[in-house]
Amino acid sequence: MRITSSFYDKNAAELAKQYDGLDFESVHQSWKRYWPPSGASVLDVGAGSGRDAKWFDLLGCDVIAVEPAKALRELGIRNTGSSVTWFDDSLPLLNEVTSLSLQFQLIVVSAVWMHIPINQRQPALWALNELLSQEGKLVVTLRHGEFLDGRESYGVSLEELEAMAAAVGLVVCHISESMDVLARDAVHWQTVVLKKACIERK
């Protein structure tokens, strides 16, 4: 992840302008039925310049934002103000957030999964599952399409995510497909919402 974090640091201002030029509602419309209510606890993993974290905060949620790229994180802190708590942390382990011993009603991993090496994805899901409340939802977006700017990425698939999620006790409750909001022809997205599997008691 160091190469990718370096890219985001070097291009933070340009990327923030790009991200902040899109509104939350447009980017995340496909899973609207799972948007959190006011007062919900939300973890935004790979929060970038803080667009989504700010939206959740204005909704009245209790928000923790994670961003490993220092320059982007600093822009995010300025964007959201002190009402959002920021951490220099990253998948697969999220050590800083895990040390808080909190659980979240919503965890968003948006435009991040393709940067996680395949051999780190299972540990990442273990960590995310531990941070998810019993009735919580985990939202993961899958980017299909290569980067042409030097960012490091690895192939993703719904089937892989579903199988790895099942291994930690998570099941898919929603899948949606969408075109790229930045109108890149070679890029399209899937949004996957996961929840903890119900355990039947006899």
C-alpha atoms as a PDB file:
ATOM      1  CA  MET A   1       0.000   0.000   0.000  1.00  0.00           C
ATOM      2  CA  ARG A   2       2.980   2.371   0.375  1.00  0.00           C
ATOM      3  CA  ILE A   3       3.196   3.084  -3.365  1.00  0.00           C
ATOM      4  CA  THR A   4      -0.496   3.871  -3.537  1.00  0.00           C
ATOM      5  CA  SER A   5      -0.431   6.022  -0.385  1.00  0.00           C
ATOM      6  CA  SER A   6       2.483   7.949  -1.886  1.00  0.00           C
ATOM      7  CA  PHE A   7       0.415   8.614  -5.025  1.00  0.00           C
ATOM      8  CA  TYR A   8      -2.469   9.942  -2.950  1.00  0.00           C
ATOM      9  CA  ASP A   9      -0.117  12.152  -0.948  1.00  0.00           C
ATOM     10  CA  LYS A  10       1.531  13.630  -4.040  1.00  0.00           C
ATOM     11  CA  ASN A  11      -1.782  14.268  -5.786  1.00  0.00           C
ATOM     12  CA  ALA A  12      -3.912  15.116  -2.763  1.00  0.00           C
ATOM     13  CA  ALA A  13      -5.097  18.575  -3.855  1.00  0.00           C
ATOM     14  CA  GLU A  14      -6.097  17.450  -7.343  1.00  0.00           C
ATOM     15  CA  LEU A  15      -7.794  14.301  -6.059  1.00  0.00           C
ATOM     16  CA  ALA A  16      -9.665  16.214  -3.350  1.00  0.00           C
ATOM     17  CA  LYS A  17     -11.020  18.619  -5.964  1.00  0.00           C
ATOM     18  CA  GLN A  18     -12.151  15.620  -8.019  1.00  0.00           C
ATOM     19  CA  TYR A  19     -13.766  13.843  -5.065  1.00  0.00           C
ATOM     20  CA  ASP A  20     -15.415  16.925  -3.616  1.00  0.00           C
ATOM     21  CA  GLY A  21     -16.863  17.841  -7.003  1.00  0.00           C
ATOM     22  CA  LEU A  22     -19.192  14.851  -6.626  1.00  0.00           C
ATOM     23  CA  ASP A  23     -21.936  14.782  -4.022  1.00  0.00           C
ATOM     24  CA  PHE A  24     -22.508  11.851  -1.699  1.00  0.00           C
ATOM     25  CA  GLU A  25     -26.047  11.242  -2.954  1.00  0.00           C
ATOM     26  CA  SER A  26     -24.902  10.785  -6.560  1.00  0.00           C
ATOM     27  CA  VAL A  27     -22.002   8.491  -5.726  1.00  0.00           C
ATOM     28  CA  HIS A  28     -23.861   6.294  -3.232  1.00  0.00           C
ATOM     29  CA  GLN A  29     -27.426   6.345  -4.559  1.00  0.00           C
ATOM     30  CA  SER A  30     -27.356   2.610  -5.338  1.00  0.00           C
ATOM     31  CA  TRP A  31     -27.426   1.601  -1.666  1.00  0.00           C
ATOM     32  CA  LYS A  32     -29.693   4.377  -0.381  1.00  0.00           C
ATOM     33  CA  ARG A  33     -31.949   1.985   1.534  1.00  0.00           C
ATOM     34  CA  TYR A  34     -28.970   1.227   3.799  1.00  0.00           C
ATOM     35  CA  TRP A  35     -27.962   4.817   4.526  1.00  0.00           C
ATOM     36  CA  PRO A  36     -27.727   5.211   8.305  1.00  0.00           C
ATOM     37  CA  PRO A  37     -30.172   7.056  10.536  1.00  0.00           C
ATOM     38  CA  SER A  38     -29.130  10.067  12.576  1.00  0.00           C
ATOM     39  CA  GLY A  39     -27.157   8.996  15.619  1.00  0.00           C
ATOM     40  CA  ALA A  40     -25.657   5.885  14.015  1.00  0.00           C
ATOM     41  CA  SER A  41     -21.996   5.036  14.532  1.00  0.00           C
ATOM     42  CA  VAL A  42     -20.126   5.121  11.206  1.00  0.00           C
ATOM     43  CA  LEU A  43     -16.603   4.085  10.226  1.00  0.00           C
ATOM     44  CA  ASP A  44     -15.337   5.462   6.882  1.00  0.00           C
ATOM     45  CA  VAL A  45     -12.293   3.454   5.784  1.00  0.00           C
ATOM     46  CA  GLY A  46     -10.161   5.230   3.185  1.00  0.00           C
ATOM     47  CA  ALA A  47     -12.003   8.477   3.829  1.00  0.00           C
ATOM     48  CA  GLY A  48      -9.901  10.551   1.433  1.00  0.00           C
ATOM     49  CA  SER A  49     -10.706  14.251   1.589  1.00  0.00           C
ATOM     50  CA  GLY A  50     -13.677  13.673   3.870  1.00  0.00           C
ATOM     51  CA  ARG A  51     -16.628  14.143   1.521  1.00  0.00           C
ATOM     52  CA  ASP A  52     -18.542  11.110   2.774  1.00  0.00           C
ATOM     53  CA  ALA A  53     -17.472  11.505   6.400  1.00  0.00           C
ATOM     54  CA  LYS A  54     -18.749  15.088   6.326  1.00  0.00           C
ATOM     55  CA  TRP A  55     -22.092  13.944   4.883  1.00  0.00           C
ATOM     56  CA  PHE A  56     -22.535  11.352   7.628  1.00  0.00           C
ATOM     57  CA  ASP A  57     -21.583  13.944  10.244  1.00  0.00           C
ATOM     58  CA  LEU A  58     -24.114  16.465   8.927  1.00  0.00           C
ATOM     59  CA  LEU A  59     -26.704  13.692   9.051  1.00  0.00           C
ATOM     60  CA  GLY A  60     -26.055  13.482  12.775  1.00  0.00           C
ATOM     61  CA  CYS A  61     -23.949  10.319  12.853  1.00  0.00           C
ATOM     62  CA  ASP A  62     -20.995   9.629  15.141  1.00  0.00           C
ATOM     63  CA  VAL A  63     -18.194   9.348  12.577  1.00  0.00           C
ATOM     64  CA  ILE A  64     -14.673   7.957  12.661  1.00  0.00           C
ATOM     65  CA  ALA A  65     -12.651   8.427   9.469  1.00  0.00           C
ATOM     66  CA  VAL A  66      -9.523   6.477   8.514  1.00  0.00           C
ATOM     67  CA  GLU A  67      -7.057   7.699   5.888  1.00  0.00           C
ATOM     68  CA  PRO A  68      -3.406   6.557   5.597  1.00  0.00           C
ATOM     69  CA  ALA A  69      -2.308   9.232   3.101  1.00  0.00           C
ATOM     70  CA  LYS A  70      -1.183  12.181   5.254  1.00  0.00           C
ATOM     71  CA  ALA A  71      -1.886  14.982   2.774  1.00  0.00           C
ATOM     72  CA  LEU A  72      -5.387  13.721   2.027  1.00  0.00           C
ATOM     73  CA  ARG A  73      -6.076  13.176   5.715  1.00  0.00           C
ATOM     74  CA  GLU A  74      -5.072  16.760   6.521  1.00  0.00           C
ATOM     75  CA  LEU A  75      -7.440  18.040   3.827  1.00  0.00           C
ATOM     76  CA  GLY A  76     -10.145  15.810   5.255  1.00  0.00           C
ATOM     77  CA  ILE A  77      -9.668  17.156   8.761  1.00  0.00           C
ATOM     78  CA  ARG A  78     -10.018  20.697   7.406  1.00  0.00           C
ATOM     79  CA  ASN A  79     -13.098  19.684   5.432  1.00  0.00           C
ATOM     80  CA  THR A  80     -14.974  17.990   8.274  1.00  0.00           C
ATOM     81  CA  GLY A  81     -13.826  19.945  11.291  1.00  0.00           C
ATOM     82  CA  SER A  82     -13.382  18.492  14.751  1.00  0.00           C
ATOM     83  CA  SER A  83     -16.738  16.714  14.885  1.00  0.00           C
ATOM     84  CA  VAL A  84     -15.267  13.824  12.870  1.00  0.00           C
ATOM     85  CA  THR A  85     -12.470  11.810  14.501  1.00  0.00           C
ATOM     86  CA  TRP A  86      -9.612  10.983  12.117  1.00  0.00           C
ATOM     87  CA  PHE A  87      -6.987   8.245  12.331  1.00  0.00           C
ATOM     88  CA  ASP A  88      -3.838   7.423  10.384  1.00  0.00           C
ATOM     89  CA  ASP A  89      -4.757   3.777   9.926  1.00  0.00           C
ATOM     90  CA  SER A  90      -5.285   1.252   7.164  1.00  0.00           C
ATOM     91  CA  LEU A  91      -6.466  -2.202   6.231  1.00  0.00           C
ATOM     92  CA  PRO A  92      -5.909  -5.069   6.650  1.00  0.00           C
ATOM     93  CA  LEU A  93      -5.699  -4.738  10.439  1.00  0.00           C
ATOM     94  CA  LEU A  94      -6.970  -1.236  11.319  1.00  0.00           C
ATOM     95  CA  ASN A  95      -4.899  -1.397  14.493  1.00  0.00           C
ATOM     96  CA  GLU A  96      -5.696   2.129  15.696  1.00  0.00           C
ATOM     97  CA  VAL A  97      -9.453   1.772  15.334  1.00  0.00           C
ATOM     98  CA  THR A  98      -9.471  -1.775  16.714  1.00  0.00           C
ATOM     99  CA  SER A  99      -7.702  -0.553  19.858  1.00  0.00           C
ATOM    100  CA  LEU A 100     -10.739   1.634  20.625  1.00  0.00           C
ATOM    101  CA  SER A 101     -12.866  -1.474  21.308  1.00  0.00           C
ATOM    102  CA  LEU A 102     -15.821   0.043  19.446  1.00  0.00           C
ATOM    103  CA  GLN A 103     -18.361  -1.441  17.060  1.00  0.00           C
ATOM    104  CA  PHE A 104     -20.096   0.394  14.231  1.00  0.00           C
ATOM    105  CA  GLN A 105     -23.575   0.279  12.755  1.00  0.00           C
ATOM    106  CA  LEU A 106     -22.174   1.157   9.334  1.00  0.00           C
ATOM    107  CA  ILE A 107     -18.706   0.597   7.895  1.00  0.00           C
ATOM    108  CA  VAL A 108     -17.976   2.025   4.445  1.00  0.00           C
ATOM    109  CA  VAL A 109     -15.011   0.784   2.399  1.00  0.00           C
ATOM    110  CA  SER A 110     -15.449   2.866  -0.737  1.00  0.00           C
ATOM    111  CA  ALA A 111     -12.911   2.817  -3.599  1.00  0.00           C
ATOM    112  CA  VAL A 112     -10.425   0.949  -1.410  1.00  0.00           C
ATOM    113  CA  TRP A 113     -10.786  -2.799  -1.934  1.00  0.00           C
ATOM    114  CA  MET A 114      -8.875  -2.872  -5.249  1.00  0.00           C
ATOM    115  CA  HIS A 115      -5.807  -1.486  -3.442  1.00  0.00           C
ATOM    116  CA  ILE A 116      -5.749  -4.357  -0.915  1.00  0.00           C
ATOM    117  CA  PRO A 117      -3.460  -7.223  -2.018  1.00  0.00           C
ATOM    118  CA  ILE A 118      -5.398 -10.452  -2.395  1.00  0.00           C
ATOM    119  CA  ASN A 119      -3.519 -12.180   0.428  1.00  0.00           C
ATOM    120  CA  GLN A 120      -4.516  -9.358   2.805  1.00  0.00           C
ATOM    121  CA  ARG A 121      -8.232  -9.378   2.006  1.00  0.00           C
ATOM    122  CA  GLN A 122      -9.220 -12.226   4.307  1.00  0.00           C
ATOM    123  CA  PRO A 123      -7.486 -10.637   7.331  1.00  0.00           C
ATOM    124  CA  ALA A 124      -9.112  -7.345   6.360  1.00  0.00           C
ATOM    125  CA  LEU A 125     -12.568  -8.918   6.471  1.00  0.00           C
ATOM    126  CA  TRP A 126     -11.819 -10.486   9.850  1.00  0.00           C
ATOM    127  CA  ALA A 127     -10.930  -7.034  11.192  1.00  0.00           C
ATOM    128  CA  LEU A 128     -13.979  -5.377   9.629  1.00  0.00           C
ATOM    129  CA  ASN A 129     -16.278  -8.097  10.947  1.00  0.00           C
ATOM    130  CA  GLU A 130     -14.960  -7.578  14.471  1.00  0.00           C
ATOM    131  CA  LEU A 131     -15.704  -3.849  14.175  1.00  0.00           C
ATOM    132  CA  LEU A 132     -19.234  -4.382  12.846  1.00  0.00           C
ATOM    133  CA  SER A 133     -22.149  -4.368  15.290  1.00  0.00           C
ATOM    134  CA  GLN A 134     -24.535  -7.327  15.324  1.00  0.00           C
ATOM    135  CA  GLU A 135     -27.141  -5.507  13.209  1.00  0.00           C
ATOM    136  CA  GLY A 136     -24.594  -3.426  11.303  1.00  0.00           C
ATOM    137  CA  LYS A 137     -23.925  -3.189   7.586  1.00  0.00           C
ATOM    138  CA  LEU A 138     -20.583  -3.280   5.770  1.00  0.00           C
ATOM    139  CA  VAL A 139     -20.505  -1.537   2.382  1.00  0.00           C
ATOM    140  CA  VAL A 140     -17.681  -2.426  -0.018  1.00  0.00           C
ATOM    141  CA  THR A 141     -17.357  -0.965  -3.499  1.00  0.00           C
ATOM    142  CA  LEU A 142     -15.558  -2.965  -6.178  1.00  0.00           C
ATOM    143  CA  ARG A 143     -13.801  -1.071  -8.967  1.00  0.00           C
ATOM    144  CA  HIS A 144     -13.522  -2.920 -12.253  1.00  0.00           C
ATOM    145  CA  GLY A 145     -10.969  -1.374 -14.614  1.00  0.00           C
ATOM    146  CA  GLU A 146      -7.255  -0.685 -14.474  1.00  0.00           C
ATOM    147  CA  PHE A 147      -5.543   2.491 -13.316  1.00  0.00           C
ATOM    148  CA  LEU A 148      -3.458   4.296 -15.928  1.00  0.00           C
ATOM    149  CA  ASP A 149      -1.717   6.702 -13.549  1.00  0.00           C
ATOM    150  CA  GLY A 150       0.613   4.435 -11.603  1.00  0.00           C
ATOM    151  CA  ARG A 151      -1.676   3.540  -8.730  1.00  0.00           C
ATOM    152  CA  GLU A 152      -1.217  -0.017  -7.527  1.00  0.00           C
ATOM    153  CA  SER A 153      -4.321  -2.194  -7.742  1.00  0.00           C
ATOM    154  CA  TYR A 154      -5.331  -5.839  -7.772  1.00  0.00           C
ATOM    155  CA  GLY A 155      -8.219  -7.583  -9.483  1.00  0.00           C
ATOM    156  CA  VAL A 156     -11.529  -7.817  -7.663  1.00  0.00           C
ATOM    157  CA  SER A 157     -14.604  -9.966  -8.071  1.00  0.00           C
ATOM    158  CA  LEU A 158     -17.949 -10.368  -6.380  1.00  0.00           C
ATOM    159  CA  GLU A 159     -17.388 -14.111  -6.113  1.00  0.00           C
ATOM    160  CA  GLU A 160     -14.104 -13.683  -4.243  1.00  0.00           C
ATOM    161  CA  LEU A 161     -15.567 -11.135  -1.852  1.00  0.00           C
ATOM    162  CA  GLU A 162     -18.638 -13.260  -1.191  1.00  0.00           C
ATOM    163  CA  ALA A 163     -16.546 -16.369  -0.446  1.00  0.00           C
ATOM    164  CA  MET A 164     -14.128 -14.516   1.826  1.00  0.00           C
ATOM    165  CA  ALA A 165     -16.996 -12.796   3.612  1.00  0.00           C
ATOM    166  CA  ALA A 166     -18.729 -16.121   4.236  1.00  0.00           C
ATOM    167  CA  ALA A 167     -15.554 -17.421   5.900  1.00  0.00           C
ATOM    168  CA  VAL A 168     -15.868 -14.723   8.594  1.00  0.00           C
ATOM    169  CA  GLY A 169     -19.630 -15.039   9.014  1.00  0.00           C
ATOM    170  CA  LEU A 170     -20.811 -12.267   6.692  1.00  0.00           C
ATOM    171  CA  VAL A 171     -23.472 -12.617   4.003  1.00  0.00           C
ATOM    172  CA  VAL A 172     -24.403 -10.421   1.048  1.00  0.00           C
ATOM    173  CA  CYS A 173     -27.718  -8.603   1.378  1.00  0.00           C
ATOM    174  CA  HIS A 174     -27.437  -6.187  -1.565  1.00  0.00           C
ATOM    175  CA  ILE A 175     -25.535  -5.932  -4.860  1.00  0.00           C
ATOM    176  CA  SER A 176     -25.776  -3.090  -7.344  1.00  0.00           C
ATOM    177  CA  GLU A 177     -23.969  -2.195 -10.560  1.00  0.00           C
ATOM    178  CA  SER A 178     -23.150   1.332 -11.679  1.00  0.00           C
ATOM    179  CA  MET A 179     -21.185   3.222 -14.280  1.00  0.00           C
ATOM    180  CA  ASP A 180     -18.260   5.398 -13.227  1.00  0.00           C
ATOM    181  CA  VAL A 181     -19.432   8.784 -11.915  1.00  0.00           C
ATOM    182  CA  LEU A 182     -16.294  10.355 -13.395  1.00  0.00           C
ATOM    183  CA  ALA A 183     -17.363   9.017 -16.818  1.00  0.00           C
ATOM    184  CA  ARG A 184     -14.283   6.843 -17.366  1.00  0.00           C
ATOM    185  CA  ASP A 185     -15.351   4.450 -20.105  1.00  0.00           C
ATOM    186  CA  ALA A 186     -13.168   1.546 -18.986  1.00  0.00           C
ATOM    187  CA  VAL A 187     -14.324   1.666 -15.367  1.00  0.00           C
ATOM    188  CA  HIS A 188     -17.477   0.365 -13.733  1.00  0.00           C
ATOM    189  CA  TRP A 189     -18.433  -0.395 -10.140  1.00  0.00           C
ATOM    190  CA  GLN A 190     -20.259  -2.894  -7.999  1.00  0.00           C
ATOM    191  CA  THR A 191     -21.503  -1.991  -4.547  1.00  0.00           C
ATOM    192  CA  VAL A 192     -21.861  -4.868  -2.102  1.00  0.00           C
ATOM    193  CA  VAL A 193     -23.636  -4.570   1.249  1.00  0.00           C
ATOM    194  CA  LEU A 194     -22.842  -7.278   3.799  1.00  0.00           C
ATOM    195  CA  LYS A 195     -24.268  -8.155   7.189  1.00  0.00           C
ATOM    196  CA  LYS A 196     -23.581 -10.733   9.875  1.00  0.00           C
ATOM    197  CA  ALA A 197     -25.156 -14.102   9.164  1.00  0.00           C
ATOM    198  CA  CYS A 198     -28.059 -15.022  11.417  1.00  0.00           C
ATOM    199  CA  ILE A 199     -27.345 -17.885  13.778  1.00  0.00           C
ATOM    200  CA  GLU A 200     -30.374 -20.056  14.335  1.00  0.00           C
ATOM    201  CA  ARG A 201     -30.762 -21.190  17.924  1.00  0.00           C
ATOM    202  CA  LYS A 202     -32.501 -24.495  18.563  1.00  0.00           C
END
